């Protein structure tokens, strides 16, 4: 993954603040404050990079809280 964009940082901050949920699946969809994130491609890239993921396992299609991984916390802190 290349350097984080402003949007990437905003997505990670929303997840860190506990405002995000994920619809489980091979390419998780992110919702912030109950609204679908406008850049699902960025979400998929952040998830593939191991920066965010579901807070608990879920069946495909179920919505669960999102959380930053340890790496995501480190990267967000370094980018702030």
C-alpha atoms as a PDB file:
ATOM      1  CA  UNK A   1       0.000   0.000   0.000  1.00  0.00           C
ATOM      2  CA  UNK A   2       1.227   3.501  -0.797  1.00  0.00           C
ATOM      3  CA  UNK A   3       1.039   6.488   1.542  1.00  0.00           C
ATOM      4  CA  UNK A   4      -2.322   7.102   3.192  1.00  0.00           C
ATOM      5  CA  UNK A   5      -4.584   9.658   1.563  1.00  0.00           C
ATOM      6  CA  UNK A   6      -6.653  12.127   3.547  1.00  0.00           C
ATOM      7  CA  UNK A   7      -9.670   9.879   2.910  1.00  0.00           C
ATOM      8  CA  UNK A   8      -7.787   6.796   4.135  1.00  0.00           C
ATOM      9  CA  UNK A   9      -6.900   8.608   7.360  1.00  0.00           C
ATOM     10  CA  UNK A  10     -10.526   9.748   7.801  1.00  0.00           C
ATOM     11  CA  UNK A  11     -11.745   6.166   7.378  1.00  0.00           C
ATOM     12  CA  UNK A  12      -9.222   4.883   9.895  1.00  0.00           C
ATOM     13  CA  UNK A  13     -10.144   7.639  12.378  1.00  0.00           C
ATOM     14  CA  UNK A  14     -13.850   6.748  12.086  1.00  0.00           C
ATOM     15  CA  UNK A  15     -13.017   3.115  12.792  1.00  0.00           C
ATOM     16  CA  UNK A  16     -10.755   4.090  15.710  1.00  0.00           C
ATOM     17  CA  UNK A  17     -13.542   6.272  17.136  1.00  0.00           C
ATOM     18  CA  UNK A  18     -15.943   3.299  17.146  1.00  0.00           C
ATOM     19  CA  UNK A  19     -18.240   4.849  14.528  1.00  0.00           C
ATOM     20  CA  UNK A  20     -17.854   2.124  11.882  1.00  0.00           C
ATOM     21  CA  UNK A  21     -19.321  -1.280  11.115  1.00  0.00           C
ATOM     22  CA  UNK A  22     -18.410  -3.821   8.445  1.00  0.00           C
ATOM     23  CA  UNK A  23     -20.596  -6.112   6.364  1.00  0.00           C
ATOM     24  CA  UNK A  24     -18.633  -9.360   6.449  1.00  0.00           C
ATOM     25  CA  UNK A  25     -17.461 -10.914   3.223  1.00  0.00           C
ATOM     26  CA  UNK A  26     -14.394 -11.389   1.056  1.00  0.00           C
ATOM     27  CA  UNK A  27     -14.463  -7.628   0.338  1.00  0.00           C
ATOM     28  CA  UNK A  28     -16.006  -6.036   3.440  1.00  0.00           C
ATOM     29  CA  UNK A  29     -18.286  -3.006   3.070  1.00  0.00           C
ATOM     30  CA  UNK A  30     -17.841  -0.238   5.637  1.00  0.00           C
ATOM     31  CA  UNK A  31     -20.566   1.901   7.170  1.00  0.00           C
ATOM     32  CA  UNK A  32     -19.829   5.061   9.177  1.00  0.00           C
ATOM     33  CA  UNK A  33     -22.584   6.293  11.468  1.00  0.00           C
ATOM     34  CA  UNK A  34     -24.902   3.838   9.689  1.00  0.00           C
ATOM     35  CA  UNK A  35     -24.212   5.231   6.203  1.00  0.00           C
ATOM     36  CA  UNK A  36     -22.240   3.345   3.551  1.00  0.00           C
ATOM     37  CA  UNK A  37     -18.741   4.733   3.072  1.00  0.00           C
ATOM     38  CA  UNK A  38     -18.486   6.586  -0.233  1.00  0.00           C
ATOM     39  CA  UNK A  39     -15.173   4.918  -1.170  1.00  0.00           C
ATOM     40  CA  UNK A  40     -15.511   1.173  -0.729  1.00  0.00           C
ATOM     41  CA  UNK A  41     -12.411   0.676  -2.904  1.00  0.00           C
ATOM     42  CA  UNK A  42     -10.348   2.511  -0.265  1.00  0.00           C
ATOM     43  CA  UNK A  43     -11.948   0.381   2.457  1.00  0.00           C
ATOM     44  CA  UNK A  44     -11.063  -2.813   0.592  1.00  0.00           C
ATOM     45  CA  UNK A  45      -7.452  -1.621   0.159  1.00  0.00           C
ATOM     46  CA  UNK A  46      -7.167  -0.750   3.865  1.00  0.00           C
ATOM     47  CA  UNK A  47      -8.588  -4.159   4.811  1.00  0.00           C
ATOM     48  CA  UNK A  48      -6.234  -5.969   2.393  1.00  0.00           C
ATOM     49  CA  UNK A  49      -3.316  -4.033   3.879  1.00  0.00           C
ATOM     50  CA  UNK A  50      -4.300  -5.386   7.299  1.00  0.00           C
ATOM     51  CA  UNK A  51      -5.168  -1.989   8.797  1.00  0.00           C
ATOM     52  CA  UNK A  52      -8.800  -2.691   9.697  1.00  0.00           C
ATOM     53  CA  UNK A  53     -11.139  -5.613  10.044  1.00  0.00           C
ATOM     54  CA  UNK A  54     -14.155  -6.977  11.879  1.00  0.00           C
ATOM     55  CA  UNK A  55     -14.081  -6.748  15.670  1.00  0.00           C
ATOM     56  CA  UNK A  56     -15.561 -10.243  15.814  1.00  0.00           C
ATOM     57  CA  UNK A  57     -16.210 -13.013  13.293  1.00  0.00           C
ATOM     58  CA  UNK A  58     -19.445 -12.912  11.327  1.00  0.00           C
ATOM     59  CA  UNK A  59     -21.175 -14.894   8.638  1.00  0.00           C
ATOM     60  CA  UNK A  60     -20.964 -13.407   5.139  1.00  0.00           C
ATOM     61  CA  UNK A  61     -23.482 -10.595   4.850  1.00  0.00           C
ATOM     62  CA  UNK A  62     -23.767  -9.895   8.578  1.00  0.00           C
ATOM     63  CA  UNK A  63     -22.817  -6.489   9.960  1.00  0.00           C
ATOM     64  CA  UNK A  64     -20.354  -6.348  12.861  1.00  0.00           C
ATOM     65  CA  UNK A  65     -18.349  -3.577  14.532  1.00  0.00           C
ATOM     66  CA  UNK A  66     -15.153  -2.589  12.732  1.00  0.00           C
ATOM     67  CA  UNK A  67     -11.827  -2.178  14.482  1.00  0.00           C
ATOM     68  CA  UNK A  68      -8.294  -1.157  13.675  1.00  0.00           C
ATOM     69  CA  UNK A  69      -5.666  -3.852  13.776  1.00  0.00           C
ATOM     70  CA  UNK A  70      -2.469  -3.282  15.751  1.00  0.00           C
ATOM     71  CA  UNK A  71      -0.810  -2.287  12.489  1.00  0.00           C
ATOM     72  CA  UNK A  72      -3.697   0.066  11.717  1.00  0.00           C
ATOM     73  CA  UNK A  73      -3.247   1.797  15.080  1.00  0.00           C
ATOM     74  CA  UNK A  74       0.481   2.248  14.456  1.00  0.00           C
ATOM     75  CA  UNK A  75      -0.030   3.544  10.919  1.00  0.00           C
ATOM     76  CA  UNK A  76      -2.785   5.966  11.948  1.00  0.00           C
ATOM     77  CA  UNK A  77      -0.707   7.307  14.828  1.00  0.00           C
ATOM     78  CA  UNK A  78       2.287   7.827  12.525  1.00  0.00           C
ATOM     79  CA  UNK A  79       0.097   9.601   9.943  1.00  0.00           C
ATOM     80  CA  UNK A  80      -1.474  11.997  12.459  1.00  0.00           C
END
